[in-house]
């Protein structure tokens, strides 16, 4: 519609725009439901709800308090129109009428279909050049996927990708060739993904992949497939200068092993990417080169195991995660053997039962062996018990570390959480 604005610098809260969009479409013919939804959002986001609402509907940007006053005016105007005409009024019709007749903010109004409006709204989340998701969508979607990962105890991997020597490529062949290369790489990345995965342009020559339900080893396979596609692709160059060649450096971080908030996960994937550049570029690095998708917590716990439902033998855990554990036993178990395990958490009378496969075993002192088990079968109830036990250990460890830091650095202050520091290019 119009484009008149009072403030161009208002930045919407993450997730608010999408919530308003869903609310409009779910209650567009139900005024009471719309008002109820807006009041609910207002409790969290204050008057900025109305600023974003009017920007979405009319492309008019107001300060939050001013937007709220306009919205009250639109509601009153809609009621008066319905009373005068004796029938319900569409939201957009009453909104246009208000800004044309009452407040006169719209100079050249254009009514659009809701389907077209939805397409317009989706364009706000697309990068104009590559047509991948943009940074704004990436941040909102990553937060949602981290929440889902934590809720369902499912790993989530974040892949950061940076084009090697892209400035030199631009300088040699021109920005038009550079833009074509960015578009081509976006297509190659998209072709490497499942439908549930998300590829986004992070900024400049940097891309990112959000891979739900994907541990580090699986994320590596996705990243390696993309890396090879880009390395072997012939990028078109102007004036028949021959095929252009580009490579990428890639970093991987995984939730929950490397972080459970977006800022940490982004920073660690970014750090791994710069480590890949430091190793000569055109390669992939894990954050800290730790290939575990779930962080293990030190835990000494008694247990027992058996092979093929035979006699049980004692075992002691060394550390544990939601998907496996490290253990000590007094006998050799061939790698690859499937064993049944019973653990006895010291803080509970309930045992934890599961079946696992021995993935590593090495001899220590005489008669002692240390190994690792990957869980392959566990009931829902035992999964819950295991998760509660591991999370309890994490909380105790975190609380202990925080108390230790406080004693060692009583006056130390931390930087605000919303400040991110990135290595220089």
Protein backbone atom coordinates (compact mmCIF):
# COMPACT_ATOMS: atom_id res chain seq x y z
CA UNK A 1 0.00 0.00 0.00
CA UNK A 2 1.60 3.29 1.05
CA UNK A 3 5.16 3.76 2.11
CA UNK A 4 5.00 6.72 4.45
CA UNK A 5 7.08 6.20 7.56
CA UNK A 6 7.78 7.85 10.87
CA UNK A 7 10.76 5.75 11.82
CA UNK A 8 12.90 3.62 9.49
CA UNK A 9 15.12 2.25 12.25
CA UNK A 10 12.67 0.11 14.21
CA UNK A 11 13.96 -3.47 14.36
CA UNK A 12 11.31 -6.16 14.99
CA UNK A 13 11.77 -8.66 17.81
CA UNK A 14 12.83 -12.11 16.54
CA UNK A 15 9.76 -14.24 15.84
CA UNK A 16 7.21 -11.44 16.27
CA UNK A 17 6.54 -10.87 12.57
CA UNK A 18 5.88 -14.55 11.96
CA UNK A 19 3.53 -14.73 14.98
CA UNK A 20 1.54 -11.74 13.71
CA UNK A 21 1.38 -13.23 10.23
CA UNK A 22 -0.05 -16.51 11.56
CA UNK A 23 -2.53 -14.63 13.73
CA UNK A 24 -3.82 -12.56 10.79
CA UNK A 25 -4.43 -15.61 8.64
CA UNK A 26 -5.97 -17.72 11.40
CA UNK A 27 -8.44 -15.04 12.50
CA UNK A 28 -8.89 -12.68 9.56
CA UNK A 29 -12.72 -13.06 9.65
CA UNK A 30 -12.96 -13.28 13.44
CA UNK A 31 -12.39 -9.85 14.96
CA UNK A 32 -12.66 -11.06 18.56
CA UNK A 33 -10.05 -13.78 17.99
CA UNK A 34 -7.70 -11.29 16.34
CA UNK A 35 -8.01 -8.82 19.22
CA UNK A 36 -7.47 -11.57 21.78
CA UNK A 37 -4.35 -12.76 19.96
CA UNK A 38 -2.95 -9.21 19.73
CA UNK A 39 -3.49 -8.60 23.45
CA UNK A 40 -1.65 -11.84 24.20
CA UNK A 41 1.30 -10.82 22.02
CA UNK A 42 1.28 -7.34 23.56
CA UNK A 43 1.99 -8.80 27.01
CA UNK A 44 5.33 -10.05 25.69
CA UNK A 45 6.28 -7.59 22.95
CA UNK A 46 4.54 -4.41 24.23
CA UNK A 47 3.26 -1.88 21.69
CA UNK A 48 5.76 -3.00 19.03
CA UNK A 49 3.09 -5.59 18.11
CA UNK A 50 1.03 -2.82 16.51
CA UNK A 51 4.03 -1.29 14.76
CA UNK A 52 4.76 -4.60 13.02
CA UNK A 53 1.06 -5.27 12.38
CA UNK A 54 0.55 -2.02 10.47
CA UNK A 55 3.81 -2.43 8.60
CA UNK A 56 2.72 -5.91 7.45
CA UNK A 57 -0.76 -4.79 6.45
CA UNK A 58 -0.13 -1.32 5.02
CA UNK A 59 3.62 -0.91 4.63
CA UNK A 60 3.41 2.05 7.02
CA UNK A 61 6.00 2.24 9.79
CA UNK A 62 5.09 3.99 13.07
CA UNK A 63 6.60 4.25 16.52
CA UNK A 64 5.00 1.55 18.71
CA UNK A 65 2.82 3.89 20.79
CA UNK A 66 1.64 5.75 17.69
CA UNK A 67 0.88 2.45 15.96
CA UNK A 68 -1.21 1.33 18.93
CA UNK A 69 -3.28 4.53 18.73
CA UNK A 70 -3.81 3.99 15.00
CA UNK A 71 -4.90 0.40 15.60
CA UNK A 72 -7.50 1.54 18.16
CA UNK A 73 -8.71 4.03 15.54
CA UNK A 74 -8.94 1.29 12.90
CA UNK A 75 -10.93 -0.95 15.26
CA UNK A 76 -13.37 1.88 16.03
CA UNK A 77 -13.64 2.78 12.33
CA UNK A 78 -14.35 -0.84 11.43
CA UNK A 79 -17.19 -1.01 13.96
CA UNK A 80 -18.75 2.20 12.64
CA UNK A 81 -18.55 0.90 9.06
CA UNK A 82 -20.15 -2.41 10.02
CA UNK A 83 -22.93 -0.56 11.86
CA UNK A 84 -23.56 1.75 8.90
CA UNK A 85 -23.50 -1.01 6.27
CA UNK A 86 -25.11 -3.72 8.37
CA UNK A 87 -22.58 -6.40 7.49
CA UNK A 88 -19.08 -7.55 8.55
CA UNK A 89 -16.11 -5.70 7.06
CA UNK A 90 -12.84 -7.19 5.86
CA UNK A 91 -9.84 -6.04 7.88
CA UNK A 92 -7.96 -4.61 4.89
CA UNK A 93 -11.01 -2.67 3.68
CA UNK A 94 -11.53 -0.96 7.04
CA UNK A 95 -7.79 -0.32 7.36
CA UNK A 96 -7.58 1.36 3.93
CA UNK A 97 -10.70 3.39 4.66
CA UNK A 98 -9.24 4.58 7.97
CA UNK A 99 -5.95 5.77 6.48
CA UNK A 100 -7.67 7.35 3.47
CA UNK A 101 -10.59 9.08 5.16
CA UNK A 102 -9.65 9.51 8.83
CA UNK A 103 -5.88 9.86 9.06
CA UNK A 104 -5.01 10.38 5.38
CA UNK A 105 -1.71 8.50 5.55
CA UNK A 106 -2.17 6.50 2.34
CA UNK A 107 -1.39 8.50 -0.77
CA UNK A 108 -1.64 5.72 -3.35
CA UNK A 109 -3.44 2.73 -1.77
CA UNK A 110 -3.35 -0.66 -3.46
CA UNK A 111 -5.55 -3.51 -2.23
CA UNK A 112 -3.98 -6.95 -2.63
CA UNK A 113 -5.23 -10.51 -2.34
CA UNK A 114 -4.24 -12.39 0.83
CA UNK A 115 -2.47 -14.99 -1.31
CA UNK A 116 -0.35 -12.27 -2.87
CA UNK A 117 0.17 -10.77 0.57
CA UNK A 118 1.47 -14.10 1.83
CA UNK A 119 3.88 -14.29 -1.10
CA UNK A 120 5.03 -10.76 -0.27
CA UNK A 121 5.48 -11.71 3.37
CA UNK A 122 7.55 -14.75 2.38
CA UNK A 123 9.80 -12.52 0.27
CA UNK A 124 10.82 -10.78 3.50
CA UNK A 125 12.55 -14.01 4.46
CA UNK A 126 14.30 -14.64 1.13
CA UNK A 127 17.68 -13.37 0.02
CA UNK A 128 17.07 -11.34 -3.12
CA UNK A 129 20.13 -12.61 -5.01
CA UNK A 130 20.37 -16.31 -4.13
CA UNK A 131 16.69 -16.96 -3.22
CA UNK A 132 17.87 -18.86 -0.17
CA UNK A 133 16.49 -17.98 3.25
CA UNK A 134 18.00 -14.76 4.54
CA UNK A 135 19.71 -14.00 7.86
CA UNK A 136 16.48 -12.91 9.52
CA UNK A 137 14.74 -16.21 8.79
CA UNK A 138 17.87 -18.16 9.70
CA UNK A 139 18.00 -16.74 13.23
CA UNK A 140 14.30 -17.34 13.89
CA UNK A 141 14.35 -20.86 12.45
CA UNK A 142 17.53 -21.83 14.30
CA UNK A 143 15.96 -20.86 17.64
CA UNK A 144 12.91 -23.01 16.85
CA UNK A 145 15.05 -26.00 15.87
CA UNK A 146 17.22 -25.73 18.98
CA UNK A 147 14.06 -25.74 21.10
CA UNK A 148 12.82 -28.84 19.26
CA UNK A 149 16.21 -30.52 19.61
CA UNK A 150 16.20 -29.96 23.36
CA UNK A 151 12.62 -31.09 23.76
CA UNK A 152 13.00 -34.36 21.87
CA UNK A 153 16.66 -35.07 22.76
CA UNK A 154 17.47 -35.06 19.06
CA UNK A 155 20.81 -33.74 17.75
CA UNK A 156 20.86 -30.64 15.55
CA UNK A 157 23.85 -29.63 13.46
CA UNK A 158 24.77 -26.16 12.21
CA UNK A 159 27.11 -25.87 9.22
CA UNK A 160 28.89 -22.60 8.39
CA UNK A 161 30.30 -22.24 4.87
CA UNK A 162 32.59 -19.52 3.53
CA UNK A 163 33.81 -19.23 -0.07
CA UNK A 164 37.61 -19.28 -0.26
CA UNK A 165 39.37 -16.30 -1.86
CA UNK A 166 36.09 -14.80 -3.03
CA UNK A 167 37.40 -11.22 -3.01
CA UNK A 168 40.16 -12.23 -5.43
CA UNK A 169 37.55 -13.94 -7.65
CA UNK A 170 35.49 -10.73 -7.69
CA UNK A 171 38.53 -8.58 -8.42
CA UNK A 172 39.60 -10.82 -11.31
CA UNK A 173 36.28 -11.46 -13.01
CA UNK A 174 33.96 -8.70 -11.82
CA UNK A 175 31.06 -8.46 -9.41
CA UNK A 176 28.58 -9.79 -11.94
CA UNK A 177 30.54 -13.04 -12.17
CA UNK A 178 30.74 -13.04 -8.38
CA UNK A 179 26.97 -12.72 -8.10
CA UNK A 180 26.49 -15.57 -10.57
CA UNK A 181 28.87 -17.70 -8.50
CA UNK A 182 26.90 -16.97 -5.31
CA UNK A 183 23.68 -17.99 -7.05
CA UNK A 184 25.24 -21.19 -8.38
CA UNK A 185 26.61 -22.14 -4.96
CA UNK A 186 23.19 -21.54 -3.43
CA UNK A 187 21.74 -24.03 -5.90
CA UNK A 188 24.46 -26.59 -5.22
CA UNK A 189 23.85 -26.33 -1.47
CA UNK A 190 20.09 -26.73 -1.89
CA UNK A 191 20.63 -29.84 -4.03
CA UNK A 192 22.63 -31.41 -1.18
CA UNK A 193 19.82 -31.18 1.40
CA UNK A 194 16.67 -32.95 2.53
CA UNK A 195 13.32 -31.13 2.61
CA UNK A 196 13.57 -30.59 6.39
CA UNK A 197 17.02 -28.96 6.10
CA UNK A 198 17.41 -25.22 5.63
CA UNK A 199 20.07 -23.41 3.62
CA UNK A 200 20.49 -19.68 4.22
CA UNK A 201 22.72 -16.87 3.10
CA UNK A 202 24.40 -15.67 6.28
CA UNK A 203 25.93 -12.60 4.65
CA UNK A 204 28.38 -11.73 1.88
CA UNK A 205 30.01 -14.94 0.68
CA UNK A 206 29.02 -16.89 3.78
CA UNK A 207 26.25 -19.52 3.89
CA UNK A 208 24.82 -21.72 6.61
CA UNK A 209 22.91 -25.00 6.81
CA UNK A 210 20.51 -25.99 9.60
CA UNK A 211 20.30 -29.80 9.76
CA UNK A 212 17.60 -31.14 12.16
CA UNK A 213 17.90 -34.68 13.57
CA UNK A 214 21.51 -34.78 12.37
CA UNK A 215 24.55 -35.73 14.43
CA UNK A 216 28.09 -34.71 13.61
CA UNK A 217 29.02 -37.67 11.44
CA UNK A 218 25.88 -37.27 9.33
CA UNK A 219 26.45 -33.52 9.13
CA UNK A 220 29.98 -34.20 7.89
CA UNK A 221 28.60 -36.35 5.06
CA UNK A 222 26.19 -33.58 4.03
CA UNK A 223 28.95 -30.97 4.18
CA UNK A 224 31.41 -33.14 2.27
CA UNK A 225 28.86 -33.77 -0.47
CA UNK A 226 28.34 -30.02 -0.82
CA UNK A 227 32.08 -29.29 -0.70
CA UNK A 228 32.81 -31.74 -3.53
CA UNK A 229 29.99 -30.39 -5.68
CA UNK A 230 31.34 -26.86 -5.36
CA UNK A 231 34.97 -27.91 -5.89
CA UNK A 232 34.16 -29.69 -9.17
CA UNK A 233 31.64 -27.16 -10.50
CA UNK A 234 32.58 -24.99 -13.49
CA UNK A 235 31.42 -21.44 -12.78
CA UNK A 236 30.63 -19.40 -15.90
CA UNK A 237 32.94 -16.46 -16.57
CA UNK A 238 32.52 -13.43 -18.86
CA UNK A 239 34.21 -13.13 -22.26
CA UNK A 240 34.83 -16.88 -22.54
CA UNK A 241 37.65 -16.78 -20.02
CA UNK A 242 37.14 -20.46 -19.30
CA UNK A 243 35.47 -22.22 -16.37
CA UNK A 244 35.88 -20.52 -13.00
CA UNK A 245 36.85 -22.59 -9.97
CA UNK A 246 35.95 -21.99 -6.33
CA UNK A 247 36.25 -23.93 -3.09
CA UNK A 248 34.71 -23.52 0.37
CA UNK A 249 35.82 -23.89 3.97
CA UNK A 250 33.28 -25.47 6.30
CA UNK A 251 32.77 -25.60 10.07
CA UNK A 252 30.33 -27.81 12.00
CA UNK A 253 28.89 -27.46 15.50
CA UNK A 254 26.17 -29.62 17.01
CA UNK A 255 23.46 -29.14 19.63
CA UNK A 256 23.60 -30.15 22.44
CA UNK A 257 27.28 -31.17 22.44
CA UNK A 258 28.61 -27.72 21.48
CA UNK A 259 25.85 -25.45 22.74
CA UNK A 260 22.14 -25.15 23.44
CA UNK A 261 21.61 -21.47 22.53
CA UNK A 262 21.91 -20.00 19.05
CA UNK A 263 24.68 -17.53 19.94
CA UNK A 264 26.95 -20.32 21.18
CA UNK A 265 26.19 -22.65 18.30
CA UNK A 266 26.79 -19.97 15.67
CA UNK A 267 30.02 -18.85 17.32
CA UNK A 268 31.39 -22.38 17.53
CA UNK A 269 30.45 -23.34 13.98
CA UNK A 270 32.05 -20.07 12.85
CA UNK A 271 35.18 -20.87 14.87
CA UNK A 272 35.40 -24.31 13.25
CA UNK A 273 35.05 -22.71 9.82
CA UNK A 274 37.97 -20.37 10.48
CA UNK A 275 39.97 -23.38 11.69
CA UNK A 276 39.29 -24.99 8.30
CA UNK A 277 40.65 -21.88 6.59
CA UNK A 278 43.73 -21.97 8.81
CA UNK A 279 44.38 -25.56 7.71
CA UNK A 280 44.63 -24.54 4.07
CA UNK A 281 40.97 -24.04 3.05
CA UNK A 282 38.75 -26.36 0.99
CA UNK A 283 38.17 -28.64 3.98
CA UNK A 284 35.80 -29.33 6.89
CA UNK A 285 36.43 -28.99 10.62
CA UNK A 286 34.33 -29.86 13.65
CA UNK A 287 34.30 -27.46 16.57
CA UNK A 288 37.16 -28.64 18.77
CA UNK A 289 37.37 -31.65 16.43
CA UNK A 290 34.99 -33.44 18.83
CA UNK A 291 32.80 -35.78 16.77
CA UNK A 292 30.32 -36.48 19.58
CA UNK A 293 26.82 -35.15 19.02
CA UNK A 294 26.00 -35.31 22.74
CA UNK A 295 28.42 -34.06 25.38
CA UNK A 296 29.38 -36.74 27.88
CA UNK A 297 29.31 -36.07 31.61
CA UNK A 298 31.66 -37.75 34.07
CA UNK A 299 29.64 -40.31 36.03
CA UNK A 300 30.77 -43.23 38.16
CA UNK A 301 27.84 -45.63 38.35
CA UNK A 302 27.52 -49.34 39.01
CA UNK A 303 25.94 -51.53 36.42
CA UNK A 304 26.00 -54.94 34.80
CA UNK A 305 25.88 -56.39 31.32
CA UNK A 306 25.22 -59.63 29.54
CA UNK A 307 25.71 -61.02 26.04
CA UNK A 308 22.89 -62.96 24.37
CA UNK A 309 20.83 -63.13 27.59
CA UNK A 310 23.58 -65.10 29.32
CA UNK A 311 25.13 -64.43 32.74
CA UNK A 312 25.44 -60.80 33.88
CA UNK A 313 28.87 -59.34 34.65
CA UNK A 314 29.73 -56.17 36.61
CA UNK A 315 30.63 -52.91 34.90
CA UNK A 316 31.31 -49.33 36.00
CA UNK A 317 30.58 -46.20 33.97
CA UNK A 318 33.21 -43.50 33.45
CA UNK A 319 31.11 -40.95 31.57
CA UNK A 320 27.70 -40.94 29.98
CA UNK A 321 25.43 -39.11 27.50
CA UNK A 322 21.94 -39.60 26.09
CA UNK A 323 23.28 -41.85 23.31
CA UNK A 324 26.12 -43.81 24.85
CA UNK A 325 28.64 -44.25 27.62
CA UNK A 326 32.23 -45.09 28.43
CA UNK A 327 32.72 -48.00 30.81
CA UNK A 328 35.20 -50.25 32.61
CA UNK A 329 34.90 -54.05 32.86
CA UNK A 330 37.05 -56.96 33.98
CA UNK A 331 36.82 -58.96 30.76
CA UNK A 332 37.31 -58.48 27.03
CA UNK A 333 34.28 -57.83 24.81
CA UNK A 334 34.82 -57.94 21.04
CA UNK A 335 34.09 -54.65 19.26
CA UNK A 336 30.74 -54.88 17.51
CA UNK A 337 29.19 -57.12 20.16
CA UNK A 338 25.63 -56.24 21.15
CA UNK A 339 25.10 -56.33 24.90
CA UNK A 340 22.23 -55.75 27.32
CA UNK A 341 23.03 -53.22 30.03
CA UNK A 342 21.45 -52.43 33.39
CA UNK A 343 22.57 -49.23 35.16
CA UNK A 344 21.88 -48.37 38.79
CA UNK A 345 21.86 -44.55 39.26
CA UNK A 346 22.98 -43.70 42.80
CA UNK A 347 20.20 -41.11 43.22
CA UNK A 348 17.35 -43.43 42.23
CA UNK A 349 15.99 -46.86 43.01
CA UNK A 350 14.88 -47.30 39.38
CA UNK A 351 17.26 -49.07 37.02
CA UNK A 352 17.97 -47.95 33.45
CA UNK A 353 17.85 -50.77 30.88
CA UNK A 354 18.99 -50.66 27.25
CA UNK A 355 20.76 -52.62 24.53
CA UNK A 356 23.94 -51.24 23.02
CA UNK A 357 26.80 -52.07 20.70
CA UNK A 358 30.44 -51.99 21.79
CA UNK A 359 32.18 -49.49 19.50
CA UNK A 360 35.58 -49.38 21.21
CA UNK A 361 37.56 -51.46 23.71
CA UNK A 362 41.14 -51.22 24.91
CA UNK A 363 43.16 -52.99 27.58
CA UNK A 364 44.28 -50.94 30.60
CA UNK A 365 45.86 -52.39 33.69
CA UNK A 366 46.03 -56.16 34.03
CA UNK A 367 42.57 -57.65 33.89
CA UNK A 368 40.84 -54.31 33.24
CA UNK A 369 39.36 -53.00 29.99
CA UNK A 370 37.85 -49.65 29.03
CA UNK A 371 35.42 -49.25 26.19
CA UNK A 372 32.49 -47.33 24.74
CA UNK A 373 28.92 -48.38 24.04
CA UNK A 374 26.48 -46.82 21.59
CA UNK A 375 22.83 -47.23 22.59
CA UNK A 376 20.81 -48.95 19.85
CA UNK A 377 17.56 -49.89 21.63
CA UNK A 378 15.89 -48.36 24.68
CA UNK A 379 12.28 -48.01 25.84
CA UNK A 380 10.64 -44.59 26.14
CA UNK A 381 10.51 -44.85 29.94
CA UNK A 382 14.18 -45.79 30.20
CA UNK A 383 15.06 -43.00 27.73
CA UNK A 384 13.32 -40.52 30.04
CA UNK A 385 15.15 -41.89 33.11
CA UNK A 386 18.49 -41.69 31.30
CA UNK A 387 17.84 -38.15 30.08
CA UNK A 388 16.78 -36.98 33.55
CA UNK A 389 19.89 -38.52 35.08
CA UNK A 390 22.26 -36.94 32.52
CA UNK A 391 20.56 -33.53 32.73
CA UNK A 392 20.79 -33.66 36.52
CA UNK A 393 24.54 -34.27 36.28
CA UNK A 394 24.90 -31.38 33.80
CA UNK A 395 23.06 -28.98 36.11
CA UNK A 396 25.20 -30.02 39.07
CA UNK A 397 28.37 -29.60 37.01
CA UNK A 398 27.26 -26.19 35.68
CA UNK A 399 26.30 -24.96 39.13
CA UNK A 400 29.62 -26.15 40.55
CA UNK A 401 31.59 -24.43 37.78
CA UNK A 402 29.65 -21.19 38.26
CA UNK A 403 30.29 -21.22 41.99
CA UNK A 404 33.98 -21.88 41.42
CA UNK A 405 34.22 -19.00 38.91
CA UNK A 406 32.46 -16.69 41.34
CA UNK A 407 34.94 -17.51 44.09
CA UNK A 408 37.94 -17.16 41.77
CA UNK A 409 36.69 -13.94 40.08
CA UNK A 410 34.34 -12.18 42.51
CA UNK A 411 34.29 -8.91 40.53
CA UNK A 412 34.47 -10.31 36.98
CA UNK A 413 31.73 -9.08 34.65
CA UNK A 414 30.54 -10.87 31.52
CA UNK A 415 29.69 -9.27 28.20
CA UNK A 416 26.03 -8.92 27.21
CA UNK A 417 24.64 -12.07 25.56
CA UNK A 418 23.58 -10.28 22.39
CA UNK A 419 27.15 -9.22 21.52
CA UNK A 420 28.88 -11.62 19.15
CA UNK A 421 32.56 -11.43 18.35
CA UNK A 422 33.74 -12.91 15.05
CA UNK A 423 37.34 -13.44 13.93
CA UNK A 424 38.54 -10.95 11.35
CA UNK A 425 38.56 -12.18 7.76
